[in-house]
Protein backbone atom coordinates (compact mmCIF):
# COMPACT_ATOMS: atom_id res chain seq x y z
CA UNK A 1 -19.06 -14.79 0.76
CA UNK A 2 -16.57 -16.34 -1.61
CA UNK A 3 -13.13 -14.91 -2.21
CA UNK A 4 -11.71 -13.79 -5.35
CA UNK A 5 -8.50 -12.63 -6.92
CA UNK A 6 -8.91 -9.65 -9.16
CA UNK A 7 -6.08 -8.62 -11.45
CA UNK A 8 -6.14 -5.34 -13.07
CA UNK A 9 -3.63 -4.15 -15.62
CA UNK A 10 -2.85 -0.27 -15.86
CA UNK A 11 -0.53 1.24 -18.41
CA UNK A 12 0.09 4.44 -20.34
CA UNK A 13 -1.01 4.40 -24.14
CA UNK A 14 0.92 5.65 -27.25
CA UNK A 15 -0.90 9.06 -26.76
CA UNK A 16 0.09 9.16 -23.17
CA UNK A 17 -3.32 8.63 -21.67
CA UNK A 18 -3.82 6.11 -18.41
CA UNK A 19 -5.33 2.92 -19.23
CA UNK A 20 -6.56 0.17 -17.24
CA UNK A 21 -8.57 -2.98 -17.57
CA UNK A 22 -9.65 -6.02 -15.20
CA UNK A 23 -7.91 -9.04 -16.78
CA UNK A 24 -9.34 -11.55 -14.42
CA UNK A 25 -11.67 -12.07 -11.34
CA UNK A 26 -10.94 -15.23 -10.07
CA UNK A 27 -12.68 -17.46 -7.54
CA UNK A 28 -10.22 -18.70 -5.03
CA UNK A 29 -10.56 -22.29 -3.92
CA UNK A 30 -7.54 -22.89 -1.79
CA UNK A 31 -5.95 -21.57 1.45
CA UNK A 32 -4.79 -18.00 0.85
CA UNK A 33 -0.97 -18.54 1.15
CA UNK A 34 1.47 -16.58 -0.51
CA UNK A 35 2.38 -19.53 -2.63
CA UNK A 36 -1.04 -20.64 -3.55
CA UNK A 37 -1.86 -16.84 -4.50
CA UNK A 38 1.40 -16.57 -6.61
CA UNK A 39 0.84 -19.72 -8.59
CA UNK A 40 -2.89 -18.51 -9.52
CA UNK A 41 -1.39 -14.88 -10.38
CA UNK A 42 1.40 -16.52 -12.35
CA UNK A 43 -0.52 -18.94 -14.21
CA UNK A 44 -3.36 -16.19 -14.98
CA UNK A 45 -0.89 -13.87 -16.38
CA UNK A 46 0.81 -16.54 -18.16
CA UNK A 47 -2.48 -17.66 -19.93
CA UNK A 48 -2.76 -14.16 -21.03
CA UNK A 49 0.83 -13.70 -22.42
CA UNK A 50 1.60 -11.11 -19.81
CA UNK A 51 3.87 -12.58 -17.74
CA UNK A 52 6.97 -10.72 -18.74
CA UNK A 53 4.90 -7.56 -18.53
CA UNK A 54 5.02 -7.73 -14.62
CA UNK A 55 6.30 -4.16 -13.46
CA UNK A 56 4.81 -3.73 -9.94
CA UNK A 57 2.19 -5.48 -7.92
CA UNK A 58 0.16 -3.20 -5.49
CA UNK A 59 -1.65 -5.24 -2.50
CA UNK A 60 -2.11 -4.89 0.96
CA UNK A 61 0.22 -5.22 3.73
CA UNK A 62 -0.66 -8.97 4.71
CA UNK A 63 2.53 -11.13 5.10
CA UNK A 64 0.80 -13.74 2.52
CA UNK A 65 1.25 -11.01 0.04
CA UNK A 66 4.74 -10.41 1.00
CA UNK A 67 5.22 -14.15 0.44
CA UNK A 68 3.39 -14.14 -2.70
CA UNK A 69 5.92 -11.50 -3.99
CA UNK A 70 8.98 -13.52 -2.74
CA UNK A 71 7.61 -16.44 -4.90
CA UNK A 72 7.00 -14.55 -8.00
CA UNK A 73 10.47 -13.24 -7.69
CA UNK A 74 11.89 -16.95 -7.28
CA UNK A 75 9.93 -17.66 -10.61
CA UNK A 76 11.50 -14.85 -12.25
CA UNK A 77 14.97 -16.64 -11.77
CA UNK A 78 13.58 -19.43 -13.71
CA UNK A 79 12.20 -17.17 -16.54
CA UNK A 80 14.64 -14.62 -17.53
CA UNK A 81 11.98 -12.38 -19.37
CA UNK A 82 10.72 -11.83 -15.96
CA UNK A 83 12.50 -9.08 -14.10
CA UNK A 84 10.73 -8.91 -10.73
CA UNK A 85 12.48 -8.15 -7.13
CA UNK A 86 9.92 -8.23 -4.35
CA UNK A 87 11.64 -5.60 -2.32
CA UNK A 88 11.38 -3.13 -5.09
CA UNK A 89 8.34 -4.19 -7.07
CA UNK A 90 5.71 -5.00 -4.61
CA UNK A 91 3.87 -1.56 -3.57
CA UNK A 92 1.64 -1.63 -0.55
CA UNK A 93 -1.47 0.01 -1.21
CA UNK A 94 -2.01 3.68 0.43
CA UNK A 95 -5.74 3.29 0.70
CA UNK A 96 -5.29 0.07 2.77
CA UNK A 97 -2.65 1.70 4.89
CA UNK A 98 -5.03 4.90 5.72
CA UNK A 99 -7.89 2.53 6.27
CA UNK A 100 -5.94 0.54 8.96
CA UNK A 101 -4.57 3.68 10.65
CA UNK A 102 -8.05 5.31 10.96
CA UNK A 103 -9.53 2.34 12.10
CA UNK A 104 -6.74 1.84 14.79
CA UNK A 105 -7.25 5.72 15.78
CA UNK A 106 -11.05 5.16 16.06
CA UNK A 107 -10.70 1.86 18.08
CA UNK A 108 -7.95 2.74 20.28
CA UNK A 109 -7.29 6.46 20.07
CA UNK A 110 -10.71 7.54 21.08
CA UNK A 111 -11.29 5.02 24.01
CA UNK A 112 -7.77 5.65 25.60
CA UNK A 113 -6.92 8.13 28.25
CA UNK A 114 -5.25 11.79 27.30
CA UNK A 115 -1.34 11.45 27.93
CA UNK A 116 0.02 14.28 29.99
CA UNK A 117 2.75 15.00 27.65
CA UNK A 118 0.35 15.66 24.90
CA UNK A 119 -1.61 18.17 27.27
CA UNK A 120 1.59 19.60 28.13
CA UNK A 121 2.74 19.83 24.42
CA UNK A 122 -0.56 21.64 23.64
CA UNK A 123 0.10 24.21 26.23
CA UNK A 124 3.51 25.08 25.04
CA UNK A 125 2.31 25.35 21.65
CA UNK A 126 -0.49 27.49 22.81
CA UNK A 127 1.87 29.61 24.85
CA UNK A 128 4.32 29.96 21.65
CA UNK A 129 1.18 31.15 19.66
CA UNK A 130 0.33 33.92 22.35
CA UNK A 131 4.03 35.02 22.32
CA UNK A 132 4.12 35.16 18.74
CA UNK A 133 0.58 36.94 18.39
CA UNK A 134 2.27 39.84 20.90
CA UNK A 135 5.28 40.65 18.48
CA UNK A 136 5.27 44.00 16.57
CA UNK A 137 3.63 43.79 13.10
CA UNK A 138 6.12 42.94 10.45
CA UNK A 139 8.49 41.11 12.79
CA UNK A 140 8.92 37.34 13.02
CA UNK A 141 9.56 35.66 16.09
CA UNK A 142 11.27 32.35 16.26
CA UNK A 143 11.09 30.17 19.05
């Protein structure tokens, strides 16, 4: 399967409606280094006259994406019309984070032995729940 870089623009129009359009779907021929990705990204945006419109970049948590954002920040120093700070404008994709978390749980969590302190915690929670149920109606017991 060939690797591609997809660039999608999102904005709010004059009628306050969310809009989005795929700007480019580019075949990636080089190594996926942060610098190479940034060079392709910056060139594509520059070709469309959108370089000064970068606000945020949403991507996965791979280290090459962090380096890509850092490279774009360095480019922004040379181009005062670009205001981009890697630490502020690179956003990690929440869907990717959830996917990685679920995969880790499924791969490691289901195959691991139960931990003693988790069993103890559930016992304590059940005990507190039983104590709460035994209190008089209308009263609140804080444990």
